[in-house]
N, C-alpha and C. Protein backbone atom coordinates (compact mmCIF):
# COMPACT_ATOMS: atom_id res chain seq x y z
N MET A 1 -9.70 5.87 3.12
CA MET A 1 -8.19 5.69 4.03
C MET A 1 -7.39 4.90 4.94
N ILE A 2 -5.76 5.28 4.43
CA ILE A 2 -5.19 4.25 4.88
C ILE A 2 -4.65 4.45 6.44
N THR A 3 -4.50 3.49 6.98
CA THR A 3 -4.07 3.81 8.68
C THR A 3 -3.05 3.24 8.27
N LEU A 4 -1.88 3.64 9.56
CA LEU A 4 -0.75 3.51 9.81
C LEU A 4 -0.36 3.14 11.26
N THR A 5 -0.01 1.64 11.52
CA THR A 5 0.11 1.68 13.14
C THR A 5 1.54 2.53 13.57
N ALA A 6 1.59 2.56 14.62
CA ALA A 6 3.02 3.02 15.24
C ALA A 6 3.88 2.65 15.39
N ASN A 7 4.25 1.10 14.85
CA ASN A 7 5.78 0.46 14.80
C ASN A 7 5.59 0.82 13.33
N ALA A 8 5.14 1.01 12.34
CA ALA A 8 4.93 1.76 10.65
C ALA A 8 5.77 3.19 10.82
N ALA A 9 4.77 3.91 11.48
CA ALA A 9 5.05 5.13 11.60
C ALA A 9 6.53 5.33 12.04
N ASP A 10 6.79 4.73 13.21
CA ASP A 10 8.05 4.99 13.86
C ASP A 10 9.45 4.38 12.92
N LYS A 11 8.99 3.04 12.25
CA LYS A 11 10.20 3.25 11.40
C LYS A 11 10.54 3.83 10.13
N LEU A 12 8.91 4.29 9.11
CA LEU A 12 9.78 5.10 8.14
C LEU A 12 9.59 6.34 7.93
N GLY A 13 9.32 7.01 9.86
CA GLY A 13 10.03 8.14 10.13
C GLY A 13 11.21 8.18 10.37
N GLY A 14 11.83 7.65 11.09
CA GLY A 14 13.06 6.90 11.57
C GLY A 14 13.69 7.26 9.88
N ILE A 15 13.67 6.62 8.79
CA ILE A 15 13.99 6.34 7.64
C ILE A 15 13.78 7.86 7.17
N MET A 16 12.96 8.52 6.68
CA MET A 16 12.89 9.88 6.65
C MET A 16 13.80 10.26 7.24
N ASP A 17 14.33 10.71 8.36
CA ASP A 17 14.61 11.59 9.29
C ASP A 17 16.06 11.22 8.42
N GLN A 18 16.87 9.74 8.22
CA GLN A 18 18.10 9.22 7.73
C GLN A 18 18.13 10.28 6.44
N LYS A 19 17.17 10.01 5.94
CA LYS A 19 17.52 10.40 4.34
C LYS A 19 17.16 12.14 4.12
N GLY A 20 16.78 13.08 5.20
CA GLY A 20 16.66 13.85 5.19
C GLY A 20 15.07 14.62 4.25
N LEU A 21 14.52 13.57 4.51
CA LEU A 21 13.32 13.67 3.97
C LEU A 21 11.49 14.38 4.92
N ARG A 22 11.92 14.30 6.04
CA ARG A 22 10.56 14.26 6.93
C ARG A 22 9.96 15.54 6.63
N GLU A 23 11.05 16.57 6.22
CA GLU A 23 9.49 17.91 6.05
C GLU A 23 9.70 18.29 4.68
N SER A 24 10.05 17.62 3.78
CA SER A 24 9.53 17.63 2.33
C SER A 24 8.49 17.04 1.96
N HIS A 25 8.43 15.59 2.10
CA HIS A 25 8.12 14.57 1.48
C HIS A 25 7.20 13.85 2.70
N ALA A 26 6.11 13.01 1.85
CA ALA A 26 4.96 12.20 2.46
C ALA A 26 5.33 10.51 2.17
N LEU A 27 4.59 9.55 2.90
CA LEU A 27 4.71 8.49 2.50
C LEU A 27 3.66 8.25 1.19
N ARG A 28 4.25 8.22 0.04
CA ARG A 28 3.21 7.72 -0.94
C ARG A 28 2.48 6.13 -0.96
N VAL A 29 1.71 6.00 -0.41
CA VAL A 29 1.36 4.15 -0.45
C VAL A 29 0.66 4.44 -2.22
N PHE A 30 1.05 3.29 -2.80
CA PHE A 30 0.15 3.05 -3.99
C PHE A 30 0.07 1.43 -4.75
N VAL A 31 -1.03 1.53 -5.78
CA VAL A 31 -1.32 0.33 -6.20
C VAL A 31 -0.55 0.44 -7.76
N LYS A 32 -0.34 -0.49 -8.21
CA LYS A 32 0.31 -0.87 -9.68
C LYS A 32 -0.25 -2.08 -9.77
N GLY A 33 -0.36 -2.65 -11.63
CA GLY A 33 -0.58 -3.84 -12.17
C GLY A 33 0.68 -4.31 -12.37
N GLY A 34 0.34 -5.51 -12.07
CA GLY A 34 1.39 -6.80 -11.82
C GLY A 34 1.19 -7.73 -11.07
N GLY A 35 2.34 -8.37 -11.02
CA GLY A 35 2.53 -9.45 -10.00
C GLY A 35 1.52 -10.81 -10.25
N CYS A 36 1.73 -11.74 -9.16
CA CYS A 36 0.49 -12.67 -9.27
C CYS A 36 -0.85 -12.55 -9.84
N GLY A 37 -1.19 -11.93 -8.29
CA GLY A 37 -2.23 -11.45 -8.03
C GLY A 37 -3.27 -10.54 -8.66
N GLY A 38 -2.53 -9.88 -10.02
CA GLY A 38 -2.56 -8.68 -10.50
C GLY A 38 -2.57 -7.09 -10.38
N MET A 39 -2.97 -7.06 -9.07
CA MET A 39 -2.10 -5.82 -8.46
C MET A 39 -1.03 -6.26 -7.63
N GLN A 40 -0.14 -5.00 -7.18
CA GLN A 40 0.88 -5.00 -6.49
C GLN A 40 0.45 -3.62 -5.58
N TYR A 41 1.13 -3.49 -3.93
CA TYR A 41 1.49 -2.83 -3.25
C TYR A 41 2.60 -1.83 -3.71
N GLY A 42 2.74 -1.22 -3.23
CA GLY A 42 4.04 -0.01 -3.45
C GLY A 42 4.32 1.35 -2.86
N MET A 43 5.38 1.58 -1.82
CA MET A 43 5.54 2.94 -1.04
C MET A 43 6.58 3.49 -1.54
N THR A 44 6.57 4.95 -1.33
CA THR A 44 7.26 5.35 -1.59
C THR A 44 7.54 6.85 -0.89
N PHE A 45 8.70 7.59 -0.99
CA PHE A 45 8.74 9.20 -0.19
C PHE A 45 8.54 9.37 -1.40
N ASP A 46 7.32 10.67 -1.24
CA ASP A 46 6.96 11.64 -2.64
C ASP A 46 6.76 12.67 -2.04
N GLU A 47 6.61 14.08 -2.56
CA GLU A 47 5.68 15.58 -3.01
C GLU A 47 4.50 15.08 -2.79
N THR A 48 3.58 15.48 -2.89
CA THR A 48 1.83 15.81 -3.11
C THR A 48 1.54 16.45 -4.39
N ARG A 49 1.28 15.93 -5.32
CA ARG A 49 0.30 15.98 -6.31
C ARG A 49 -1.07 16.43 -6.48
N ASP A 50 -1.18 16.71 -7.69
CA ASP A 50 -3.11 17.34 -7.40
C ASP A 50 -3.58 16.43 -7.71
N GLY A 51 -4.71 16.19 -6.94
CA GLY A 51 -5.74 14.81 -6.58
C GLY A 51 -5.39 14.42 -5.86
N ASP A 52 -4.25 14.27 -5.08
CA ASP A 52 -4.00 13.06 -4.09
C ASP A 52 -4.89 13.41 -2.97
N GLU A 53 -5.12 12.09 -2.33
CA GLU A 53 -5.77 12.19 -0.85
C GLU A 53 -4.75 12.15 0.53
N GLU A 54 -4.47 13.35 1.42
CA GLU A 54 -3.48 12.91 1.99
C GLU A 54 -3.89 12.98 3.35
N TYR A 55 -3.56 12.24 5.00
CA TYR A 55 -3.48 12.19 5.60
C TYR A 55 -2.63 12.49 6.52
N GLU A 56 -2.97 12.57 8.10
CA GLU A 56 -1.78 12.58 8.78
C GLU A 56 -1.86 11.44 10.05
N MET A 57 -0.97 10.86 10.38
CA MET A 57 -0.96 9.53 11.30
C MET A 57 0.34 9.21 11.69
N HIS A 58 0.69 9.30 13.60
CA HIS A 58 1.76 9.07 14.33
C HIS A 58 2.27 9.98 13.58
N GLY A 59 2.24 11.47 13.43
CA GLY A 59 2.84 12.42 12.96
C GLY A 59 3.56 12.25 11.34
N LEU A 60 2.98 11.10 10.90
CA LEU A 60 3.66 10.94 9.00
C LEU A 60 2.92 11.69 8.82
N ARG A 61 3.01 12.36 7.31
CA ARG A 61 1.99 12.01 6.22
C ARG A 61 1.96 11.60 5.50
N ILE A 62 0.64 11.32 5.00
CA ILE A 62 0.49 9.40 4.08
C ILE A 62 -0.35 10.16 2.93
N ILE A 63 0.03 10.30 1.87
CA ILE A 63 -0.33 10.79 0.81
C ILE A 63 -1.35 9.26 -0.58
N VAL A 64 -1.87 9.31 -0.85
CA VAL A 64 -2.55 8.40 -1.99
C VAL A 64 -3.37 8.71 -3.06
N ASP A 65 -3.38 8.60 -4.36
CA ASP A 65 -3.71 8.69 -5.82
C ASP A 65 -5.34 8.30 -5.41
N PRO A 66 -5.85 9.15 -5.91
CA PRO A 66 -7.64 8.20 -6.51
C PRO A 66 -7.45 6.72 -6.91
N THR A 67 -7.22 6.37 -7.53
CA THR A 67 -7.26 4.99 -8.37
C THR A 67 -6.60 4.07 -7.39
N SER A 68 -5.40 4.26 -6.55
CA SER A 68 -4.81 3.70 -5.99
C SER A 68 -6.10 3.33 -4.25
N LEU A 69 -6.37 4.26 -4.18
CA LEU A 69 -7.33 4.81 -2.95
C LEU A 69 -8.50 3.78 -3.34
N PHE A 70 -9.20 3.64 -4.09
CA PHE A 70 -9.78 2.36 -4.39
C PHE A 70 -9.60 1.05 -4.16
N TYR A 71 -8.76 0.86 -4.78
CA TYR A 71 -8.11 -0.79 -4.16
C TYR A 71 -7.62 -0.70 -2.84
N ILE A 72 -7.35 -0.10 -2.22
CA ILE A 72 -6.83 -0.07 -0.49
C ILE A 72 -7.57 0.81 0.55
N ASN A 73 -8.66 1.41 0.06
CA ASN A 73 -9.35 2.02 0.92
C ASN A 73 -9.74 1.16 2.05
N GLY A 74 -9.48 1.94 3.25
CA GLY A 74 -9.13 0.73 4.06
C GLY A 74 -8.49 -0.01 5.00
N ALA A 75 -7.40 0.09 4.08
CA ALA A 75 -6.14 -0.55 4.21
C ALA A 75 -5.34 -0.52 5.39
N SER A 76 -4.79 -1.21 6.14
CA SER A 76 -3.79 -0.67 7.61
C SER A 76 -2.60 -1.04 7.48
N ILE A 77 -1.47 -0.31 7.61
CA ILE A 77 0.13 -1.20 7.63
C ILE A 77 0.55 -1.16 8.33
N ASP A 78 1.56 -1.81 8.84
CA ASP A 78 2.28 -2.26 9.49
C ASP A 78 3.76 -3.00 10.03
N TYR A 79 4.17 -2.96 10.97
CA TYR A 79 5.86 -3.12 10.79
C TYR A 79 6.29 -4.10 11.39
N VAL A 80 6.04 -5.21 11.25
CA VAL A 80 6.31 -5.98 11.88
C VAL A 80 8.23 -6.83 11.54
N ASP A 81 8.90 -7.03 13.07
CA ASP A 81 9.84 -7.20 13.07
C ASP A 81 10.18 -8.64 14.17
N ASN A 82 10.87 -9.78 13.25
CA ASN A 82 10.98 -11.25 13.99
C ASN A 82 12.05 -11.64 13.49
N LEU A 83 12.50 -12.85 14.19
CA LEU A 83 14.04 -13.49 13.85
C LEU A 83 13.81 -13.82 12.15
N MET A 84 12.72 -14.35 11.13
CA MET A 84 12.92 -13.79 9.88
C MET A 84 13.16 -12.59 9.20
N GLY A 85 13.53 -11.79 10.21
CA GLY A 85 13.60 -10.00 9.62
C GLY A 85 12.39 -9.40 9.55
N GLY A 86 12.69 -7.70 9.35
CA GLY A 86 11.63 -7.06 9.62
C GLY A 86 10.85 -6.96 8.38
N GLY A 87 9.61 -6.35 8.26
CA GLY A 87 9.20 -5.75 7.42
C GLY A 87 7.72 -5.32 7.25
N PHE A 88 7.04 -4.30 6.37
CA PHE A 88 6.24 -3.73 6.05
C PHE A 88 5.05 -5.11 6.08
N HIS A 89 3.77 -4.52 6.46
CA HIS A 89 2.97 -5.76 5.90
C HIS A 89 1.40 -4.62 5.99
N ILE A 90 0.76 -5.03 4.79
CA ILE A 90 -0.56 -4.41 4.59
C ILE A 90 -1.75 -5.39 4.33
N ASP A 91 -2.27 -4.65 5.59
CA ASP A 91 -3.94 -5.42 5.72
C ASP A 91 -4.71 -5.14 5.04
N ASN A 92 -5.33 -5.50 3.76
CA ASN A 92 -6.54 -5.19 2.95
C ASN A 92 -7.77 -5.37 2.85
N PRO A 93 -9.14 -4.30 3.22
CA PRO A 93 -9.99 -5.15 3.32
C PRO A 93 -10.29 -4.95 1.98
N GLN A 94 -10.03 -4.83 0.65
CA GLN A 94 -10.92 -4.43 -0.92
C GLN A 94 -10.17 -6.05 -1.50
N ALA A 95 -9.07 -6.70 -0.85
CA ALA A 95 -8.67 -7.82 -1.43
C ALA A 95 -9.61 -9.04 -1.38
N THR A 96 -9.82 -9.59 -2.33
CA THR A 96 -10.65 -10.79 -2.01
C THR A 96 -9.45 -11.94 -2.23
N SER A 97 -8.44 -11.54 -3.00
CA SER A 97 -7.42 -12.42 -2.41
C SER A 97 -6.13 -12.10 -2.64
N SER A 98 -4.93 -12.82 -1.96
CA SER A 98 -4.00 -12.68 -2.04
C SER A 98 -3.30 -13.81 -2.64
N CYS A 99 -1.59 -13.78 -3.04
CA CYS A 99 -0.79 -14.62 -3.46
C CYS A 99 0.19 -14.85 -1.97
N GLY A 100 1.22 -15.63 -2.37
CA GLY A 100 1.91 -16.10 -1.29
C GLY A 100 2.99 -15.25 -1.64
N CYS A 101 3.35 -14.47 -1.86
CA CYS A 101 4.20 -13.43 -1.96
C CYS A 101 4.05 -12.06 -0.76
N GLY A 102 2.83 -12.05 -1.06
CA GLY A 102 2.34 -11.00 0.25
C GLY A 102 2.24 -9.74 0.03
N SER A 103 2.53 -9.14 -1.09
CA SER A 103 2.41 -8.20 -1.97
C SER A 103 1.44 -7.79 -3.01
N SER A 104 1.16 -9.00 -3.88
CA SER A 104 0.30 -9.00 -4.84
C SER A 104 -0.99 -9.36 -4.36
N PHE A 105 -2.21 -9.01 -5.09
CA PHE A 105 -3.45 -9.07 -4.41
C PHE A 105 -4.59 -8.94 -5.89
N ARG A 106 -5.93 -9.14 -5.90
CA ARG A 106 -7.04 -9.25 -6.37
C ARG A 106 -8.28 -8.72 -6.24
N THR A 107 -9.07 -7.87 -5.92
CA THR A 107 -10.09 -6.78 -5.85
C THR A 107 -11.47 -7.77 -6.63
N ALA A 108 -12.35 -7.79 -6.23
CA ALA A 108 -13.81 -8.32 -7.05
C ALA A 108 -13.90 -7.66 -8.31
N LYS A 109 -14.17 -6.14 -8.28
CA LYS A 109 -13.74 -5.37 -9.36
C LYS A 109 -13.07 -4.04 -9.46
N ASN A 110 -12.62 -3.48 -10.56
CA ASN A 110 -11.58 -2.77 -11.11
C ASN A 110 -12.44 -1.87 -11.39
N HIS A 111 -11.33 -0.39 -10.98
CA HIS A 111 -11.91 0.95 -10.61
C HIS A 111 -13.15 1.41 -11.56
N THR A 112 -12.74 1.04 -12.95
CA THR A 112 -14.19 0.79 -13.69
C THR A 112 -15.33 0.45 -13.69
N GLY A 113 -15.53 -0.54 -12.24
CA GLY A 113 -16.63 -1.35 -11.43
C GLY A 113 -16.86 -2.66 -12.51
N GLU A 114 -15.57 -3.16 -13.63
CA GLU A 114 -15.61 -4.50 -14.39
C GLU A 114 -15.27 -5.41 -13.09
N ALA A 115 -15.90 -6.67 -13.23
CA ALA A 115 -15.36 -7.41 -12.25
C ALA A 115 -14.06 -7.98 -13.04
N VAL A 116 -13.31 -8.92 -11.63
CA VAL A 116 -11.93 -9.22 -12.13
C VAL A 116 -12.03 -10.66 -12.25
N PRO A 117 -11.58 -11.36 -13.43
CA PRO A 117 -11.66 -12.73 -13.55
C PRO A 117 -11.04 -13.20 -11.84
N GLU A 118 -11.38 -14.46 -12.03
CA GLU A 118 -10.87 -15.37 -10.03
C GLU A 118 -9.75 -16.10 -11.03
N SER A 119 -8.62 -15.84 -10.66
CA SER A 119 -7.73 -16.21 -11.46
C SER A 119 -6.29 -15.88 -10.41
N CYS A 120 -5.15 -16.67 -10.56
CA CYS A 120 -4.05 -15.84 -9.86
C CYS A 120 -3.07 -15.94 -10.73
N GLY A 121 -3.51 -15.52 -11.68
CA GLY A 121 -2.25 -14.75 -13.02
C GLY A 121 -1.83 -16.04 -14.00
N HIS A 122 -2.26 -17.14 -13.54
CA HIS A 122 -1.87 -18.47 -13.92
C HIS A 122 -3.37 -19.02 -15.00
N HIS A 123 -2.81 -19.36 -16.69
CA HIS A 123 -4.35 -19.28 -17.51
C HIS A 123 -4.05 -20.78 -18.07
N HIS A 124 -4.53 -21.48 -17.89
CA HIS A 124 -5.03 -23.09 -18.08
C HIS A 124 -5.49 -23.27 -19.68
N ASN A 125 -4.90 -23.98 -20.53
CA ASN A 125 -5.81 -23.81 -21.79
C ASN A 125 -6.25 -25.40 -21.46
């Protein structure tokens, strides 16, 4: 399950209201290959697809595909606003390491059960 703080839900709900998507769409949280850690987080507004896990938190629907859920199950999403600007922060207990960019991470095993090499995307010869 993915949890969403009230701050994150308020910010995302406001964006959805502005775009007229609140009734028809949900927040899709996903993982894709890439980034310096091997995997990257992503969020978009989308419609539910077959096989998606669906949750509701603070009045906002959240959807996650099964493969992404493997990598981010138990994660929490917050919205932080400070003098350096605002942004969404994902705290993922599945990540064994993350890189400085904050949107890239690595897990101990991939979704097929294979061990993931302990590098940050850099290969030394």
